[in-house]
Amino acid sequence: MTVHIHGEPVSGATGATGHTALAPQRQTYTVRVLALLLAVMTGTAAALAAFIVGDLVTNDLAEAIGWSAGTFVAALGLMVILEEKAGLFG
């Protein structure tokens, strides 16, 4: 593999496995998109769990939907903050 002085692989260079190295900008974009998708999926799973519990505990379906929406916003916000601290969102 060909490497620049700064340690970054040359765009289009192949490594020991024969795969083409991605440009650093492309990797950053891909990581950001995947991090955002992970945050949305985590929020959705938490909202579904809150809806199921809310449906079992409350008498009104609207209250369970409210719990679900609040949990989605909270879980999504927490995931975004954690991913920013981890350096996944520039």
PDB file of N, CA and C in Angstrom:
ATOM      1  N   MET A   1       0.845  -1.158   0.000  1.00  0.00           N
ATOM      2  CA  MET A   1       0.000   0.000   0.000  1.00  0.00           C
ATOM      3  C   MET A   1       0.897   1.229   0.000  1.00  0.00           C
ATOM      4  N   THR A   2       0.547   2.207  -0.820  1.00  0.00           N
ATOM      5  CA  THR A   2       1.273   3.461  -0.882  1.00  0.00           C
ATOM      6  C   THR A   2       0.715   4.408   0.172  1.00  0.00           C
ATOM      7  N   VAL A   3       1.615   5.080   0.911  1.00  0.00           N
ATOM      8  CA  VAL A   3       1.198   5.942   2.004  1.00  0.00           C
ATOM      9  C   VAL A   3       1.823   7.314   1.821  1.00  0.00           C
ATOM     10  N   HIS A   4       1.035   8.375   2.072  1.00  0.00           N
ATOM     11  CA  HIS A   4       1.559   9.734   2.053  1.00  0.00           C
ATOM     12  C   HIS A   4       2.464   9.964   3.257  1.00  0.00           C
ATOM     13  N   ILE A   5       3.102  11.105   3.278  1.00  0.00           N
ATOM     14  CA  ILE A   5       3.972  11.468   4.395  1.00  0.00           C
ATOM     15  C   ILE A   5       3.173  11.536   5.692  1.00  0.00           C
ATOM     16  N   HIS A   6       1.940  11.988   5.633  1.00  0.00           N
ATOM     17  CA  HIS A   6       1.118  12.153   6.826  1.00  0.00           C
ATOM     18  C   HIS A   6       0.462  10.852   7.268  1.00  0.00           C
ATOM     19  N   GLY A   7       0.729   9.751   6.615  1.00  0.00           N
ATOM     20  CA  GLY A   7       0.196   8.464   7.020  1.00  0.00           C
ATOM     21  C   GLY A   7      -1.150   8.110   6.431  1.00  0.00           C
ATOM     22  N   GLU A   8      -1.676   8.912   5.510  1.00  0.00           N
ATOM     23  CA  GLU A   8      -2.959   8.628   4.888  1.00  0.00           C
ATOM     24  C   GLU A   8      -2.730   7.809   3.621  1.00  0.00           C
ATOM     25  N   PRO A   9      -3.523   6.773   3.398  1.00  0.00           N
ATOM     26  CA  PRO A   9      -3.353   5.995   2.172  1.00  0.00           C
ATOM     27  C   PRO A   9      -3.743   6.806   0.938  1.00  0.00           C
ATOM     28  N   VAL A  10      -3.091   6.502  -0.154  1.00  0.00           N
ATOM     29  CA  VAL A  10      -3.385   7.168  -1.413  1.00  0.00           C
ATOM     30  C   VAL A  10      -4.758   6.713  -1.889  1.00  0.00           C
ATOM     31  N   SER A  11      -5.567   7.651  -2.389  1.00  0.00           N
ATOM     32  CA  SER A  11      -6.890   7.311  -2.880  1.00  0.00           C
ATOM     33  C   SER A  11      -6.748   6.344  -4.053  1.00  0.00           C
ATOM     34  N   GLY A  12      -7.468   5.229  -3.979  1.00  0.00           N
ATOM     35  CA  GLY A  12      -7.414   4.235  -5.043  1.00  0.00           C
ATOM     36  C   GLY A  12      -6.316   3.203  -4.845  1.00  0.00           C
ATOM     37  N   ALA A  13      -5.507   3.337  -3.810  1.00  0.00           N
ATOM     38  CA  ALA A  13      -4.437   2.372  -3.568  1.00  0.00           C
ATOM     39  C   ALA A  13      -5.037   1.085  -3.006  1.00  0.00           C
ATOM     40  N   THR A  14      -4.431  -0.039  -3.312  1.00  0.00           N
ATOM     41  CA  THR A  14      -4.924  -1.308  -2.802  1.00  0.00           C
ATOM     42  C   THR A  14      -4.038  -1.762  -1.662  1.00  0.00           C
ATOM     43  N   GLY A  15      -4.657  -2.340  -0.660  1.00  0.00           N
ATOM     44  CA  GLY A  15      -3.930  -2.839   0.500  1.00  0.00           C
ATOM     45  C   GLY A  15      -3.510  -4.277   0.290  1.00  0.00           C
ATOM     46  N   ALA A  16      -3.086  -4.906   1.380  1.00  0.00           N
ATOM     47  CA  ALA A  16      -2.628  -6.286   1.324  1.00  0.00           C
ATOM     48  C   ALA A  16      -3.752  -7.237   0.934  1.00  0.00           C
ATOM     49  N   THR A  17      -4.985  -6.862   1.244  1.00  0.00           N
ATOM     50  CA  THR A  17      -6.122  -7.735   0.924  1.00  0.00           C
ATOM     51  C   THR A  17      -6.606  -7.535  -0.500  1.00  0.00           C
ATOM     52  N   GLY A  18      -6.109  -6.504  -1.188  1.00  0.00           N
ATOM     53  CA  GLY A  18      -6.515  -6.255  -2.556  1.00  0.00           C
ATOM     54  C   GLY A  18      -7.705  -5.333  -2.675  1.00  0.00           C
ATOM     55  N   HIS A  19      -8.252  -4.851  -1.544  1.00  0.00           N
ATOM     56  CA  HIS A  19      -9.376  -3.936  -1.588  1.00  0.00           C
ATOM     57  C   HIS A  19      -8.892  -2.508  -1.793  1.00  0.00           C
ATOM     58  N   THR A  20      -9.674  -1.727  -2.497  1.00  0.00           N
ATOM     59  CA  THR A  20      -9.329  -0.334  -2.738  1.00  0.00           C
ATOM     60  C   THR A  20      -9.616   0.479  -1.487  1.00  0.00           C
ATOM     61  N   ALA A  21      -8.660   1.315  -1.079  1.00  0.00           N
ATOM     62  CA  ALA A  21      -8.843   2.157   0.105  1.00  0.00           C
ATOM     63  C   ALA A  21      -9.801   3.295  -0.216  1.00  0.00           C
ATOM     64  N   LEU A  22     -10.712   3.580   0.712  1.00  0.00           N
ATOM     65  CA  LEU A  22     -11.633   4.695   0.539  1.00  0.00           C
ATOM     66  C   LEU A  22     -10.942   5.996   0.897  1.00  0.00           C
ATOM     67  N   ALA A  23     -11.339   7.057   0.254  1.00  0.00           N
ATOM     68  CA  ALA A  23     -10.805   8.368   0.588  1.00  0.00           C
ATOM     69  C   ALA A  23     -11.270   8.740   1.992  1.00  0.00           C
ATOM     70  N   PRO A  24     -10.475   9.491   2.758  1.00  0.00           N
ATOM     71  CA  PRO A  24     -10.869   9.849   4.120  1.00  0.00           C
ATOM     72  C   PRO A  24     -12.208  10.582   4.188  1.00  0.00           C
ATOM     73  N   GLN A  25     -12.528  11.431   3.216  1.00  0.00           N
ATOM     74  CA  GLN A  25     -13.790  12.161   3.237  1.00  0.00           C
ATOM     75  C   GLN A  25     -14.956  11.188   3.066  1.00  0.00           C
ATOM     76  N   ARG A  26     -14.818  10.201   2.227  1.00  0.00           N
ATOM     77  CA  ARG A  26     -15.872   9.214   1.992  1.00  0.00           C
ATOM     78  C   ARG A  26     -16.106   8.386   3.255  1.00  0.00           C
ATOM     79  N   GLN A  27     -15.031   7.991   3.945  1.00  0.00           N
ATOM     80  CA  GLN A  27     -15.174   7.233   5.169  1.00  0.00           C
ATOM     81  C   GLN A  27     -15.898   8.056   6.232  1.00  0.00           C
ATOM     82  N   THR A  28     -15.567   9.319   6.336  1.00  0.00           N
ATOM     83  CA  THR A  28     -16.196  10.185   7.323  1.00  0.00           C
ATOM     84  C   THR A  28     -17.689  10.302   7.051  1.00  0.00           C
ATOM     85  N   TYR A  29     -18.070  10.483   5.809  1.00  0.00           N
ATOM     86  CA  TYR A  29     -19.489  10.583   5.443  1.00  0.00           C
ATOM     87  C   TYR A  29     -20.216   9.292   5.776  1.00  0.00           C
ATOM     88  N   THR A  30     -19.619   8.157   5.444  1.00  0.00           N
ATOM     89  CA  THR A  30     -20.230   6.864   5.707  1.00  0.00           C
ATOM     90  C   THR A  30     -20.402   6.635   7.201  1.00  0.00           C
ATOM     91  N   VAL A  31     -19.399   6.965   7.981  1.00  0.00           N
ATOM     92  CA  VAL A  31     -19.474   6.791   9.431  1.00  0.00           C
ATOM     93  C   VAL A  31     -20.564   7.677  10.017  1.00  0.00           C
ATOM     94  N   ARG A  32     -20.694   8.902   9.536  1.00  0.00           N
ATOM     95  CA  ARG A  32     -21.728   9.802  10.040  1.00  0.00           C
ATOM     96  C   ARG A  32     -23.123   9.274   9.727  1.00  0.00           C
ATOM     97  N   VAL A  33     -23.315   8.783   8.513  1.00  0.00           N
ATOM     98  CA  VAL A  33     -24.625   8.242   8.131  1.00  0.00           C
ATOM     99  C   VAL A  33     -24.958   7.013   8.969  1.00  0.00           C
ATOM    100  N   LEU A  34     -23.996   6.126   9.152  1.00  0.00           N
ATOM    101  CA  LEU A  34     -24.241   4.925   9.951  1.00  0.00           C
ATOM    102  C   LEU A  34     -24.490   5.270  11.416  1.00  0.00           C
ATOM    103  N   ALA A  35     -23.799   6.266  11.933  1.00  0.00           N
ATOM    104  CA  ALA A  35     -24.023   6.692  13.314  1.00  0.00           C
ATOM    105  C   ALA A  35     -25.425   7.266  13.478  1.00  0.00           C
ATOM    106  N   LEU A  36     -25.870   8.041  12.504  1.00  0.00           N
ATOM    107  CA  LEU A  36     -27.223   8.594  12.565  1.00  0.00           C
ATOM    108  C   LEU A  36     -28.272   7.488  12.471  1.00  0.00           C
ATOM    109  N   LEU A  37     -28.057   6.517  11.601  1.00  0.00           N
ATOM    110  CA  LEU A  37     -28.986   5.392  11.494  1.00  0.00           C
ATOM    111  C   LEU A  37     -29.022   4.581  12.789  1.00  0.00           C
ATOM    112  N   LEU A  38     -27.880   4.408  13.435  1.00  0.00           N
ATOM    113  CA  LEU A  38     -27.842   3.705  14.712  1.00  0.00           C
ATOM    114  C   LEU A  38     -28.638   4.462  15.766  1.00  0.00           C
ATOM    115  N   ALA A  39     -28.516   5.787  15.782  1.00  0.00           N
ATOM    116  CA  ALA A  39     -29.268   6.596  16.742  1.00  0.00           C
ATOM    117  C   ALA A  39     -30.766   6.478  16.502  1.00  0.00           C
ATOM    118  N   VAL A  40     -31.184   6.526  15.247  1.00  0.00           N
ATOM    119  CA  VAL A  40     -32.614   6.419  14.926  1.00  0.00           C
ATOM    120  C   VAL A  40     -33.149   5.032  15.279  1.00  0.00           C
ATOM    121  N   MET A  41     -32.384   3.996  14.982  1.00  0.00           N
ATOM    122  CA  MET A  41     -32.825   2.639  15.306  1.00  0.00           C
ATOM    123  C   MET A  41     -32.919   2.429  16.819  1.00  0.00           C
ATOM    124  N   THR A  42     -31.984   2.994  17.571  1.00  0.00           N
ATOM    125  CA  THR A  42     -32.025   2.889  19.026  1.00  0.00           C
ATOM    126  C   THR A  42     -33.246   3.617  19.578  1.00  0.00           C
ATOM    127  N   GLY A  43     -33.518   4.806  19.045  1.00  0.00           N
ATOM    128  CA  GLY A  43     -34.710   5.547  19.467  1.00  0.00           C
ATOM    129  C   GLY A  43     -35.993   4.807  19.140  1.00  0.00           C
ATOM    130  N   THR A  44     -36.034   4.171  17.981  1.00  0.00           N
ATOM    131  CA  THR A  44     -37.220   3.412  17.580  1.00  0.00           C
ATOM    132  C   THR A  44     -37.431   2.198  18.484  1.00  0.00           C
ATOM    133  N   ALA A  45     -36.359   1.495  18.803  1.00  0.00           N
ATOM    134  CA  ALA A  45     -36.484   0.331  19.686  1.00  0.00           C
ATOM    135  C   ALA A  45     -36.935   0.754  21.082  1.00  0.00           C
ATOM    136  N   ALA A  46     -36.403   1.856  21.585  1.00  0.00           N
ATOM    137  CA  ALA A  46     -36.819   2.345  22.901  1.00  0.00           C
ATOM    138  C   ALA A  46     -38.272   2.796  22.875  1.00  0.00           C
ATOM    139  N   ALA A  47     -38.687   3.438  21.788  1.00  0.00           N
ATOM    140  CA  ALA A  47     -40.077   3.883  21.672  1.00  0.00           C
ATOM    141  C   ALA A  47     -41.030   2.697  21.610  1.00  0.00           C
ATOM    142  N   LEU A  48     -40.650   1.652  20.907  1.00  0.00           N
ATOM    143  CA  LEU A  48     -41.490   0.458  20.831  1.00  0.00           C
ATOM    144  C   LEU A  48     -41.634  -0.185  22.205  1.00  0.00           C
ATOM    145  N   ALA A  49     -40.526  -0.284  22.932  1.00  0.00           N
ATOM    146  CA  ALA A  49     -40.583  -0.855  24.282  1.00  0.00           C
ATOM    147  C   ALA A  49     -41.457   0.003  25.188  1.00  0.00           C
ATOM    148  N   ALA A  50     -41.330   1.329  25.091  1.00  0.00           N
ATOM    149  CA  ALA A  50     -42.159   2.218  25.916  1.00  0.00           C
ATOM    150  C   ALA A  50     -43.627   2.106  25.533  1.00  0.00           C
ATOM    151  N   PHE A  51     -43.914   1.937  24.257  1.00  0.00           N
ATOM    152  CA  PHE A  51     -45.310   1.781  23.827  1.00  0.00           C
ATOM    153  C   PHE A  51     -45.915   0.492  24.374  1.00  0.00           C
ATOM    154  N   ILE A  52     -45.155  -0.590  24.319  1.00  0.00           N
ATOM    155  CA  ILE A  52     -45.660  -1.876  24.816  1.00  0.00           C
ATOM    156  C   ILE A  52     -45.932  -1.793  26.318  1.00  0.00           C
ATOM    157  N   VAL A  53     -44.983  -1.233  27.067  1.00  0.00           N
ATOM    158  CA  VAL A  53     -45.180  -1.091  28.513  1.00  0.00           C
ATOM    159  C   VAL A  53     -46.339  -0.138  28.794  1.00  0.00           C
ATOM    160  N   GLY A  54     -46.396   0.980  28.071  1.00  0.00           N
ATOM    161  CA  GLY A  54     -47.474   1.937  28.271  1.00  0.00           C
ATOM    162  C   GLY A  54     -48.835   1.364  27.948  1.00  0.00           C
ATOM    163  N   ASP A  55     -48.893   0.518  26.942  1.00  0.00           N
ATOM    164  CA  ASP A  55     -50.162  -0.113  26.571  1.00  0.00           C
ATOM    165  C   ASP A  55     -50.634  -1.081  27.656  1.00  0.00           C
ATOM    166  N   LEU A  56     -49.692  -1.741  28.302  1.00  0.00           N
ATOM    167  CA  LEU A  56     -50.048  -2.681  29.369  1.00  0.00           C
ATOM    168  C   LEU A  56     -50.422  -1.958  30.662  1.00  0.00           C
ATOM    169  N   VAL A  57     -49.791  -0.825  30.926  1.00  0.00           N
ATOM    170  CA  VAL A  57     -49.958  -0.139  32.209  1.00  0.00           C
ATOM    171  C   VAL A  57     -51.128   0.842  32.202  1.00  0.00           C
ATOM    172  N   THR A  58     -51.349   1.541  31.093  1.00  0.00           N
ATOM    173  CA  THR A  58     -52.365   2.593  31.063  1.00  0.00           C
ATOM    174  C   THR A  58     -53.664   2.089  30.446  1.00  0.00           C
ATOM    175  N   ASN A  59     -54.723   2.863  30.645  1.00  0.00           N
ATOM    176  CA  ASN A  59     -56.023   2.519  30.074  1.00  0.00           C
ATOM    177  C   ASN A  59     -56.238   3.157  28.706  1.00  0.00           C
ATOM    178  N   ASP A  60     -55.528   4.247  28.448  1.00  0.00           N
ATOM    179  CA  ASP A  60     -55.743   5.016  27.225  1.00  0.00           C
ATOM    180  C   ASP A  60     -54.586   4.793  26.251  1.00  0.00           C
ATOM    181  N   LEU A  61     -54.914   4.554  24.991  1.00  0.00           N
ATOM    182  CA  LEU A  61     -53.882   4.332  23.976  1.00  0.00           C
ATOM    183  C   LEU A  61     -53.089   5.609  23.706  1.00  0.00           C
ATOM    184  N   ALA A  62     -53.735   6.754  23.817  1.00  0.00           N
ATOM    185  CA  ALA A  62     -53.044   8.024  23.559  1.00  0.00           C
ATOM    186  C   ALA A  62     -51.924   8.254  24.560  1.00  0.00           C
ATOM    187  N   GLU A  63     -52.104   7.828  25.790  1.00  0.00           N
ATOM    188  CA  GLU A  63     -51.055   7.985  26.796  1.00  0.00           C
ATOM    189  C   GLU A  63     -49.846   7.110  26.463  1.00  0.00           C
ATOM    190  N   ALA A  64     -50.086   5.905  25.980  1.00  0.00           N
ATOM    191  CA  ALA A  64     -48.991   5.019  25.571  1.00  0.00           C
ATOM    192  C   ALA A  64     -48.240   5.611  24.380  1.00  0.00           C
ATOM    193  N   ILE A  65     -48.972   6.228  23.454  1.00  0.00           N
ATOM    194  CA  ILE A  65     -48.326   6.872  22.301  1.00  0.00           C
ATOM    195  C   ILE A  65     -47.494   8.062  22.765  1.00  0.00           C
ATOM    196  N   GLY A  66     -47.987   8.800  23.746  1.00  0.00           N
ATOM    197  CA  GLY A  66     -47.222   9.912  24.305  1.00  0.00           C
ATOM    198  C   GLY A  66     -45.940   9.451  24.969  1.00  0.00           C
ATOM    199  N   TRP A  67     -46.018   8.377  25.730  1.00  0.00           N
ATOM    200  CA  TRP A  67     -44.814   7.804  26.334  1.00  0.00           C
ATOM    201  C   TRP A  67     -43.826   7.380  25.254  1.00  0.00           C
ATOM    202  N   SER A  68     -44.350   6.777  24.212  1.00  0.00           N
ATOM    203  CA  SER A  68     -43.504   6.306  23.120  1.00  0.00           C
ATOM    204  C   SER A  68     -42.792   7.467  22.430  1.00  0.00           C
ATOM    205  N   ALA A  69     -43.524   8.536  22.161  1.00  0.00           N
ATOM    206  CA  ALA A  69     -42.926   9.694  21.489  1.00  0.00           C
ATOM    207  C   ALA A  69     -41.869  10.350  22.361  1.00  0.00           C
ATOM    208  N   GLY A  70     -42.164  10.511  23.646  1.00  0.00           N
ATOM    209  CA  GLY A  70     -41.187  11.100  24.555  1.00  0.00           C
ATOM    210  C   GLY A  70     -39.926  10.261  24.693  1.00  0.00           C
ATOM    211  N   THR A  71     -40.115   8.952  24.744  1.00  0.00           N
ATOM    212  CA  THR A  71     -38.970   8.053  24.844  1.00  0.00           C
ATOM    213  C   THR A  71     -38.130   8.084  23.578  1.00  0.00           C
ATOM    214  N   PHE A  72     -38.781   8.175  22.415  1.00  0.00           N
ATOM    215  CA  PHE A  72     -38.037   8.256  21.154  1.00  0.00           C
ATOM    216  C   PHE A  72     -37.159   9.499  21.128  1.00  0.00           C
ATOM    217  N   VAL A  73     -37.733  10.639  21.476  1.00  0.00           N
ATOM    218  CA  VAL A  73     -36.973  11.896  21.461  1.00  0.00           C
ATOM    219  C   VAL A  73     -35.812  11.832  22.446  1.00  0.00           C
ATOM    220  N   ALA A  74     -36.070  11.314  23.652  1.00  0.00           N
ATOM    221  CA  ALA A  74     -35.019  11.240  24.666  1.00  0.00           C
ATOM    222  C   ALA A  74     -33.901  10.289  24.249  1.00  0.00           C
ATOM    223  N   ALA A  75     -34.248   9.107  23.737  1.00  0.00           N
ATOM    224  CA  ALA A  75     -33.235   8.127  23.344  1.00  0.00           C
ATOM    225  C   ALA A  75     -32.432   8.616  22.140  1.00  0.00           C
ATOM    226  N   LEU A  76     -33.116   9.240  21.181  1.00  0.00           N
ATOM    227  CA  LEU A  76     -32.414   9.773  20.012  1.00  0.00           C
ATOM    228  C   LEU A  76     -31.457  10.886  20.426  1.00  0.00           C
ATOM    229  N   GLY A  77     -31.921  11.777  21.277  1.00  0.00           N
ATOM    230  CA  GLY A  77     -31.051  12.855  21.750  1.00  0.00           C
ATOM    231  C   GLY A  77     -29.845  12.338  22.513  1.00  0.00           C
ATOM    232  N   LEU A  78     -30.063  11.339  23.365  1.00  0.00           N
ATOM    233  CA  LEU A  78     -28.954  10.755  24.115  1.00  0.00           C
ATOM    234  C   LEU A  78     -27.945  10.095  23.186  1.00  0.00           C
ATOM    235  N   MET A  79     -28.418   9.363  22.192  1.00  0.00           N
ATOM    236  CA  MET A  79     -27.506   8.708  21.254  1.00  0.00           C
ATOM    237  C   MET A  79     -26.701   9.725  20.455  1.00  0.00           C
ATOM    238  N   VAL A  80     -27.329  10.802  20.028  1.00  0.00           N
ATOM    239  CA  VAL A  80     -26.609  11.822  19.262  1.00  0.00           C
ATOM    240  C   VAL A  80     -25.537  12.465  20.134  1.00  0.00           C
ATOM    241  N   ILE A  81     -25.866  12.761  21.390  1.00  0.00           N
ATOM    242  CA  ILE A  81     -24.873  13.351  22.296  1.00  0.00           C
ATOM    243  C   ILE A  81     -23.706  12.383  22.509  1.00  0.00           C
ATOM    244  N   LEU A  82     -24.007  11.119  22.740  1.00  0.00           N
ATOM    245  CA  LEU A  82     -22.942  10.134  22.950  1.00  0.00           C
ATOM    246  C   LEU A  82     -22.075   9.967  21.704  1.00  0.00           C
ATOM    247  N   GLU A  83     -22.688   9.980  20.526  1.00  0.00           N
ATOM    248  CA  GLU A  83     -21.916   9.835  19.295  1.00  0.00           C
ATOM    249  C   GLU A  83     -21.083  11.076  19.018  1.00  0.00           C
ATOM    250  N   GLU A  84     -21.564  12.257  19.399  1.00  0.00           N
ATOM    251  CA  GLU A  84     -20.742  13.466  19.270  1.00  0.00           C
ATOM    252  C   GLU A  84     -19.542  13.402  20.188  1.00  0.00           C
ATOM    253  N   LYS A  85     -19.743  12.927  21.424  1.00  0.00           N
ATOM    254  CA  LYS A  85     -18.630  12.788  22.382  1.00  0.00           C
ATOM    255  C   LYS A  85     -17.620  11.766  21.897  1.00  0.00           C
ATOM    256  N   ALA A  86     -18.092  10.748  21.186  1.00  0.00           N
ATOM    257  CA  ALA A  86     -17.191   9.711  20.656  1.00  0.00           C
ATOM    258  C   ALA A  86     -16.473  10.165  19.384  1.00  0.00           C
ATOM    259  N   GLY A  87     -16.884  11.325  18.840  1.00  0.00           N
ATOM    260  CA  GLY A  87     -16.212  11.846  17.663  1.00  0.00           C
ATOM    261  C   GLY A  87     -16.781  11.343  16.347  1.00  0.00           C
ATOM    262  N   LEU A  88     -17.980  10.807  16.360  1.00  0.00           N
ATOM    263  CA  LEU A  88     -18.559  10.295  15.117  1.00  0.00           C
ATOM    264  C   LEU A  88     -19.239  11.380  14.293  1.00  0.00           C
ATOM    265  N   PHE A  89     -19.647  12.482  14.939  1.00  0.00           N
ATOM    266  CA  PHE A  89     -20.229  13.621  14.245  1.00  0.00           C
ATOM    267  C   PHE A  89     -19.267  14.796  14.355  1.00  0.00           C
ATOM    268  N   GLY A  90     -18.400  14.984  13.365  1.00  0.00           N
ATOM    269  CA  GLY A  90     -17.462  16.087  13.295  1.00  0.00           C
ATOM    270  C   GLY A  90     -17.545  17.095  14.306  1.00  0.00           C
TER     271      GLY A  90
END
